[in-house]
Each structure stands twice: as C-alpha cells, then as structure tokens.
Amino acid sequence: TSGEVRVLRELGGRSRVVWSSPTAFTRLELDRSDRQGAVLRLALSGKRLGIGQALGPREREDLATSIEAAIRQARAERHPAP
C-alpha cells in the first residue's frame, strides 16, 4: 500500500506477517554476485528479508521489476508529483 510494504508467509491455510515496513523507506536489493543467480531482498534500516528463493534467476529478476514498480506506484499515490 502507499503506507506499508507487508510480506505474508502462508502455510497450511494460515498466513502470518513476516515483514512490515513503511513504503517510503523500504528498499529492494538485487544482488547479482551470487553464482546461483540474483539474491532478492527487502531492506530497511539494517533489516533484510530474502524473497523469491524458490524462483529461478530470471523469475527473481522479473519479481524485482514488479516489486520496484509497485513500490514506486505506492509512493506516488502518497506523494503525487505537482
């Protein structure tokens, strides 16, 4: 949302929040130095959460593009350009 990035983990029909951070300050890190493919993480003030580990390298890059676009759009909703 424009105010919060939230990651849920679903298991056995139940879900729990494993990450919550203000959208305005959340960063997405895509580390391409790993030999297995890019490592994708959400980051905020020294905290990090790896995401997309079950995806292949190309899918992880696509996920990064989608998340970056969603965060950019959410920020624009909260702080529209003049």
C-alpha atoms as a PDB file:
ATOM      1  CA  THR A   1       0.000   0.000   0.000  1.00  0.00           C
ATOM      2  CA  SER A   2       1.040   3.633  -0.048  1.00  0.00           C
ATOM      3  CA  GLY A   3       1.842   3.366   3.648  1.00  0.00           C
ATOM      4  CA  GLU A   4       3.216  -0.138   4.154  1.00  0.00           C
ATOM      5  CA  VAL A   5       5.070  -2.985   2.482  1.00  0.00           C
ATOM      6  CA  ARG A   6       3.932  -6.269   4.002  1.00  0.00           C
ATOM      7  CA  VAL A   7       5.064  -9.828   3.297  1.00  0.00           C
ATOM      8  CA  LEU A   8       2.910 -12.737   4.387  1.00  0.00           C
ATOM      9  CA  ARG A   9       4.016 -16.355   4.655  1.00  0.00           C
ATOM     10  CA  GLU A  10       1.242 -18.847   4.013  1.00  0.00           C
ATOM     11  CA  LEU A  11       1.462 -22.381   5.310  1.00  0.00           C
ATOM     12  CA  GLY A  12      -1.308 -24.908   5.816  1.00  0.00           C
ATOM     13  CA  GLY A  13      -4.081 -22.442   5.081  1.00  0.00           C
ATOM     14  CA  ARG A  14      -2.769 -19.960   7.639  1.00  0.00           C
ATOM     15  CA  SER A  15      -0.843 -16.791   6.993  1.00  0.00           C
ATOM     16  CA  ARG A  16       1.370 -14.651   9.169  1.00  0.00           C
ATOM     17  CA  VAL A  17       3.167 -11.380   8.622  1.00  0.00           C
ATOM     18  CA  VAL A  18       6.940 -11.900   8.319  1.00  0.00           C
ATOM     19  CA  TRP A  19       7.814  -8.360   7.167  1.00  0.00           C
ATOM     20  CA  SER A  20       6.227  -4.967   7.573  1.00  0.00           C
ATOM     21  CA  SER A  21       7.859  -1.635   6.777  1.00  0.00           C
ATOM     22  CA  PRO A  22       6.940   1.882   5.656  1.00  0.00           C
ATOM     23  CA  THR A  23       6.767   2.039   1.877  1.00  0.00           C
ATOM     24  CA  ALA A  24       8.593   5.367   1.782  1.00  0.00           C
ATOM     25  CA  PHE A  25      11.723   3.885   3.363  1.00  0.00           C
ATOM     26  CA  THR A  26      11.721   0.303   2.070  1.00  0.00           C
ATOM     27  CA  ARG A  27      14.437  -0.601  -0.410  1.00  0.00           C
ATOM     28  CA  LEU A  28      14.656  -3.553  -2.747  1.00  0.00           C
ATOM     29  CA  GLU A  29      18.115  -5.067  -3.144  1.00  0.00           C
ATOM     30  CA  LEU A  30      19.008  -7.302  -6.077  1.00  0.00           C
ATOM     31  CA  ASP A  31      22.472  -8.778  -5.570  1.00  0.00           C
ATOM     32  CA  ARG A  32      23.706 -10.331  -8.806  1.00  0.00           C
ATOM     33  CA  SER A  33      27.042 -11.508  -7.350  1.00  0.00           C
ATOM     34  CA  ASP A  34      25.710 -14.913  -6.211  1.00  0.00           C
ATOM     35  CA  ARG A  35      26.694 -17.784  -8.532  1.00  0.00           C
ATOM     36  CA  GLN A  36      23.264 -19.389  -8.169  1.00  0.00           C
ATOM     37  CA  GLY A  37      21.587 -16.281  -9.561  1.00  0.00           C
ATOM     38  CA  ALA A  38      20.474 -12.972  -8.160  1.00  0.00           C
ATOM     39  CA  VAL A  39      19.540 -12.698  -4.485  1.00  0.00           C
ATOM     40  CA  LEU A  40      16.479 -10.532  -3.875  1.00  0.00           C
ATOM     41  CA  ARG A  41      15.878  -8.816  -0.521  1.00  0.00           C
ATOM     42  CA  LEU A  42      13.673  -6.171   1.038  1.00  0.00           C
ATOM     43  CA  ALA A  43      15.707  -3.854   3.250  1.00  0.00           C
ATOM     44  CA  LEU A  44      15.075  -1.203   5.885  1.00  0.00           C
ATOM     45  CA  SER A  45      17.480   0.236   8.470  1.00  0.00           C
ATOM     46  CA  GLY A  46      19.807  -2.761   8.587  1.00  0.00           C
ATOM     47  CA  LYS A  47      16.975  -5.321   8.477  1.00  0.00           C
ATOM     48  CA  ARG A  48      16.708  -7.577   5.432  1.00  0.00           C
ATOM     49  CA  LEU A  49      14.318 -10.251   4.243  1.00  0.00           C
ATOM     50  CA  GLY A  50      15.205 -12.586   1.392  1.00  0.00           C
ATOM     51  CA  ILE A  51      12.337 -13.158  -1.022  1.00  0.00           C
ATOM     52  CA  GLY A  52      11.824 -15.298  -4.097  1.00  0.00           C
ATOM     53  CA  GLN A  53      14.301 -18.021  -3.130  1.00  0.00           C
ATOM     54  CA  ALA A  54      12.119 -20.710  -4.724  1.00  0.00           C
ATOM     55  CA  LEU A  55      12.188 -18.890  -8.070  1.00  0.00           C
ATOM     56  CA  GLY A  56      14.705 -19.299 -10.845  1.00  0.00           C
ATOM     57  CA  PRO A  57      17.124 -16.472 -11.628  1.00  0.00           C
ATOM     58  CA  ARG A  58      15.020 -14.993 -14.450  1.00  0.00           C
ATOM     59  CA  GLU A  59      11.795 -15.162 -12.408  1.00  0.00           C
ATOM     60  CA  ARG A  60      13.564 -13.487  -9.489  1.00  0.00           C
ATOM     61  CA  GLU A  61      14.636 -10.617 -11.751  1.00  0.00           C
ATOM     62  CA  ASP A  62      11.050 -10.326 -13.050  1.00  0.00           C
ATOM     63  CA  LEU A  63       9.779 -10.268  -9.457  1.00  0.00           C
ATOM     64  CA  ALA A  64      12.254  -7.491  -8.623  1.00  0.00           C
ATOM     65  CA  THR A  65      10.977  -5.434 -11.549  1.00  0.00           C
ATOM     66  CA  SER A  66       7.358  -5.945 -10.452  1.00  0.00           C
ATOM     67  CA  ILE A  67       8.036  -5.086  -6.807  1.00  0.00           C
ATOM     68  CA  GLU A  68      10.024  -1.972  -7.729  1.00  0.00           C
ATOM     69  CA  ALA A  69       7.138  -0.804  -9.928  1.00  0.00           C
ATOM     70  CA  ALA A  70       4.596  -1.480  -7.164  1.00  0.00           C
ATOM     71  CA  ILE A  71       6.644   0.435  -4.578  1.00  0.00           C
ATOM     72  CA  ARG A  72       7.157   3.342  -6.987  1.00  0.00           C
ATOM     73  CA  GLN A  73       3.408   3.455  -7.699  1.00  0.00           C
ATOM     74  CA  ALA A  74       2.540   3.266  -3.991  1.00  0.00           C
ATOM     75  CA  ARG A  75       4.920   6.112  -3.186  1.00  0.00           C
ATOM     76  CA  ALA A  76       3.400   8.204  -5.994  1.00  0.00           C
ATOM     77  CA  GLU A  77      -0.090   7.670  -4.525  1.00  0.00           C
ATOM     78  CA  ARG A  78       1.061   9.036  -1.192  1.00  0.00           C
ATOM     79  CA  HIS A  79       3.212  11.845  -2.590  1.00  0.00           C
ATOM     80  CA  PRO A  80       1.861  12.813  -6.036  1.00  0.00           C
ATOM     81  CA  ALA A  81       4.044  14.930  -8.295  1.00  0.00           C
ATOM     82  CA  PRO A  82       2.862  18.535  -8.735  1.00  0.00           C
END
